[in-house]
Amino acid sequence: MNVPTDYQIIKDKQGKPAFVVLPYADFQRIMHPIDTHSGVPAAVADLAFDNDWPALRAWREHLGLTQAEVAARMGISQAAYSQHENSQKLRASTRAKMAAALGIHTEQLDF
């Protein structure tokens, strides 16, 4: 599944790419990549346990995304995303799509 990315390339006077403007959440992912070998960052686990949030919400909040932004990446409505995020039981295919929209591995939702 391709996750759409909105960005803008700004060129210099010679027409060569000089800058890229991208959504802050994408910038955060680039600047603070998730080490998939170590699993779930402590900050995500803390958000989930301290606030009694499902793993999906903790990841979304950690990445600085709104429900509407993740829903748009998945091609669904914000209301549909909200139901999925708060569901106790999701189909494996839905979990995989949600993880892809967040830029994480499905296994990182298992905590």
C-alpha atoms as a PDB file:
ATOM      1  CA  MET A   1       0.000   0.000   0.000  1.00  0.00           C
ATOM      2  CA  ASN A   2       1.373   3.400  -0.953  1.00  0.00           C
ATOM      3  CA  VAL A   3       0.978   6.067   1.683  1.00  0.00           C
ATOM      4  CA  PRO A   4       0.448   9.459   0.041  1.00  0.00           C
ATOM      5  CA  THR A   5       2.921  12.132   1.007  1.00  0.00           C
ATOM      6  CA  ASP A   6       2.286  15.806   0.413  1.00  0.00           C
ATOM      7  CA  TYR A   7       5.431  17.807  -0.134  1.00  0.00           C
ATOM      8  CA  GLN A   8       6.742  20.749  -2.112  1.00  0.00           C
ATOM      9  CA  ILE A   9      10.152  21.134  -3.727  1.00  0.00           C
ATOM     10  CA  ILE A  10      11.566  24.657  -3.853  1.00  0.00           C
ATOM     11  CA  LYS A  11      14.219  25.256  -6.480  1.00  0.00           C
ATOM     12  CA  ASP A  12      17.114  27.687  -6.472  1.00  0.00           C
ATOM     13  CA  LYS A  13      17.783  30.313  -9.181  1.00  0.00           C
ATOM     14  CA  GLN A  14      19.432  27.677 -11.375  1.00  0.00           C
ATOM     15  CA  GLY A  15      16.347  25.445 -11.150  1.00  0.00           C
ATOM     16  CA  LYS A  16      17.988  22.826  -8.937  1.00  0.00           C
ATOM     17  CA  PRO A  17      16.128  21.459  -5.894  1.00  0.00           C
ATOM     18  CA  ALA A  18      17.166  23.469  -2.826  1.00  0.00           C
ATOM     19  CA  PHE A  19      14.494  22.823  -0.170  1.00  0.00           C
ATOM     20  CA  VAL A  20      11.645  20.460   0.553  1.00  0.00           C
ATOM     21  CA  VAL A  21       8.539  21.466   2.474  1.00  0.00           C
ATOM     22  CA  LEU A  22       6.728  18.511   3.996  1.00  0.00           C
ATOM     23  CA  PRO A  23       4.151  17.797   6.701  1.00  0.00           C
ATOM     24  CA  TYR A  24       5.561  18.018  10.214  1.00  0.00           C
ATOM     25  CA  ALA A  25       4.643  14.397  11.000  1.00  0.00           C
ATOM     26  CA  ASP A  26       6.712  13.223   8.024  1.00  0.00           C
ATOM     27  CA  PHE A  27       9.603  15.409   9.184  1.00  0.00           C
ATOM     28  CA  GLN A  28       9.347  13.883  12.674  1.00  0.00           C
ATOM     29  CA  ARG A  29       9.469  10.364  11.218  1.00  0.00           C
ATOM     30  CA  ILE A  30      12.612  11.273   9.276  1.00  0.00           C
ATOM     31  CA  MET A  31      14.300  12.963  12.221  1.00  0.00           C
ATOM     32  CA  HIS A  32      13.284  10.328  14.782  1.00  0.00           C
ATOM     33  CA  PRO A  33      13.087   7.015  12.976  1.00  0.00           C
ATOM     34  CA  ILE A  34      11.651   4.073  14.848  1.00  0.00           C
ATOM     35  CA  ASP A  35      14.106   1.269  15.426  1.00  0.00           C
ATOM     36  CA  THR A  36      12.054  -1.721  14.320  1.00  0.00           C
ATOM     37  CA  HIS A  37      14.523  -4.067  15.993  1.00  0.00           C
ATOM     38  CA  SER A  38      13.756  -2.707  19.441  1.00  0.00           C
ATOM     39  CA  GLY A  39       9.984  -2.793  19.065  1.00  0.00           C
ATOM     40  CA  VAL A  40       7.943  -0.043  20.672  1.00  0.00           C
ATOM     41  CA  PRO A  41       9.510   3.194  21.938  1.00  0.00           C
ATOM     42  CA  ALA A  42       9.022   3.794  25.657  1.00  0.00           C
ATOM     43  CA  ALA A  43       7.222   7.063  24.858  1.00  0.00           C
ATOM     44  CA  VAL A  44       4.516   5.161  22.950  1.00  0.00           C
ATOM     45  CA  ALA A  45       4.081   2.571  25.681  1.00  0.00           C
ATOM     46  CA  ASP A  46       3.930   5.331  28.303  1.00  0.00           C
ATOM     47  CA  LEU A  47       1.195   7.149  26.376  1.00  0.00           C
ATOM     48  CA  ALA A  48      -0.847   3.971  26.116  1.00  0.00           C
ATOM     49  CA  PHE A  49      -0.529   2.913  29.724  1.00  0.00           C
ATOM     50  CA  ASP A  50      -0.644   6.346  31.371  1.00  0.00           C
ATOM     51  CA  ASN A  51      -3.792   7.352  29.474  1.00  0.00           C
ATOM     52  CA  ASP A  52      -5.409   3.915  29.097  1.00  0.00           C
ATOM     53  CA  TRP A  53      -5.306   4.336  25.310  1.00  0.00           C
ATOM     54  CA  PRO A  54      -5.255   1.578  22.695  1.00  0.00           C
ATOM     55  CA  ALA A  55      -1.891   1.072  20.983  1.00  0.00           C
ATOM     56  CA  LEU A  56      -3.186   2.659  17.765  1.00  0.00           C
ATOM     57  CA  ARG A  57      -4.059   5.897  19.520  1.00  0.00           C
ATOM     58  CA  ALA A  58      -0.768   5.976  21.410  1.00  0.00           C
ATOM     59  CA  TRP A  59       1.166   5.606  18.139  1.00  0.00           C
ATOM     60  CA  ARG A  60      -0.985   8.221  16.380  1.00  0.00           C
ATOM     61  CA  GLU A  61      -0.540  10.723  19.215  1.00  0.00           C
ATOM     62  CA  HIS A  62       3.201   9.985  19.416  1.00  0.00           C
ATOM     63  CA  LEU A  63       3.547  10.683  15.687  1.00  0.00           C
ATOM     64  CA  GLY A  64       1.604  13.941  16.013  1.00  0.00           C
ATOM     65  CA  LEU A  65      -1.172  12.877  13.648  1.00  0.00           C
ATOM     66  CA  THR A  66      -4.896  13.531  13.839  1.00  0.00           C
ATOM     67  CA  GLN A  67      -7.519  10.885  13.202  1.00  0.00           C
ATOM     68  CA  ALA A  68      -8.462  12.757  10.023  1.00  0.00           C
ATOM     69  CA  GLU A  69      -4.875  12.629   8.733  1.00  0.00           C
ATOM     70  CA  VAL A  70      -4.550   8.879   9.292  1.00  0.00           C
ATOM     71  CA  ALA A  71      -8.023   8.294   7.854  1.00  0.00           C
ATOM     72  CA  ALA A  72      -7.057  10.225   4.719  1.00  0.00           C
ATOM     73  CA  ARG A  73      -3.941   8.067   4.324  1.00  0.00           C
ATOM     74  CA  MET A  74      -6.161   4.997   4.525  1.00  0.00           C
ATOM     75  CA  GLY A  75      -8.838   6.383   2.233  1.00  0.00           C
ATOM     76  CA  ILE A  76     -11.586   6.168   4.871  1.00  0.00           C
ATOM     77  CA  SER A  77     -13.602   8.680   6.865  1.00  0.00           C
ATOM     78  CA  GLN A  78     -12.452  10.054  10.211  1.00  0.00           C
ATOM     79  CA  ALA A  79     -15.506   8.450  11.851  1.00  0.00           C
ATOM     80  CA  ALA A  80     -14.605   5.032  10.434  1.00  0.00           C
ATOM     81  CA  TYR A  81     -11.020   5.439  11.596  1.00  0.00           C
ATOM     82  CA  SER A  82     -12.195   6.393  15.082  1.00  0.00           C
ATOM     83  CA  GLN A  83     -14.252   3.205  15.313  1.00  0.00           C
ATOM     84  CA  HIS A  84     -11.250   1.122  14.247  1.00  0.00           C
ATOM     85  CA  GLU A  85      -8.892   2.901  16.644  1.00  0.00           C
ATOM     86  CA  ASN A  86     -11.167   2.155  19.591  1.00  0.00           C
ATOM     87  CA  SER A  87     -12.133  -1.370  18.556  1.00  0.00           C
ATOM     88  CA  GLN A  88     -11.145  -4.262  20.794  1.00  0.00           C
ATOM     89  CA  LYS A  89     -10.905  -6.639  17.843  1.00  0.00           C
ATOM     90  CA  LEU A  90      -9.654  -5.762  14.359  1.00  0.00           C
ATOM     91  CA  ARG A  91      -9.198  -7.959  11.316  1.00  0.00           C
ATOM     92  CA  ALA A  92      -5.557  -8.642  10.498  1.00  0.00           C
ATOM     93  CA  SER A  93      -5.899  -6.854   7.157  1.00  0.00           C
ATOM     94  CA  THR A  94      -7.301  -3.731   8.845  1.00  0.00           C
ATOM     95  CA  ARG A  95      -4.492  -3.733  11.425  1.00  0.00           C
ATOM     96  CA  ALA A  96      -1.939  -4.025   8.615  1.00  0.00           C
ATOM     97  CA  LYS A  97      -3.477  -1.067   6.745  1.00  0.00           C
ATOM     98  CA  MET A  98      -3.542   1.024   9.899  1.00  0.00           C
ATOM     99  CA  ALA A  99       0.078   0.203  10.709  1.00  0.00           C
ATOM    100  CA  ALA A 100       1.118   1.094   7.153  1.00  0.00           C
ATOM    101  CA  ALA A 101      -0.714   4.423   7.400  1.00  0.00           C
ATOM    102  CA  LEU A 102       1.245   5.153  10.597  1.00  0.00           C
ATOM    103  CA  GLY A 103       4.526   3.998   9.058  1.00  0.00           C
ATOM    104  CA  ILE A 104       5.080   1.188  11.554  1.00  0.00           C
ATOM    105  CA  HIS A 105       5.094  -2.613  11.507  1.00  0.00           C
ATOM    106  CA  THR A 106       1.922  -4.458  12.496  1.00  0.00           C
ATOM    107  CA  GLU A 107       3.829  -6.211  15.282  1.00  0.00           C
ATOM    108  CA  GLN A 108       4.467  -2.840  16.919  1.00  0.00           C
ATOM    109  CA  LEU A 109       0.762  -2.651  17.746  1.00  0.00           C
ATOM    110  CA  ASP A 110       0.996  -5.756  19.973  1.00  0.00           C
ATOM    111  CA  PHE A 111       1.506  -4.446  23.477  1.00  0.00           C
END
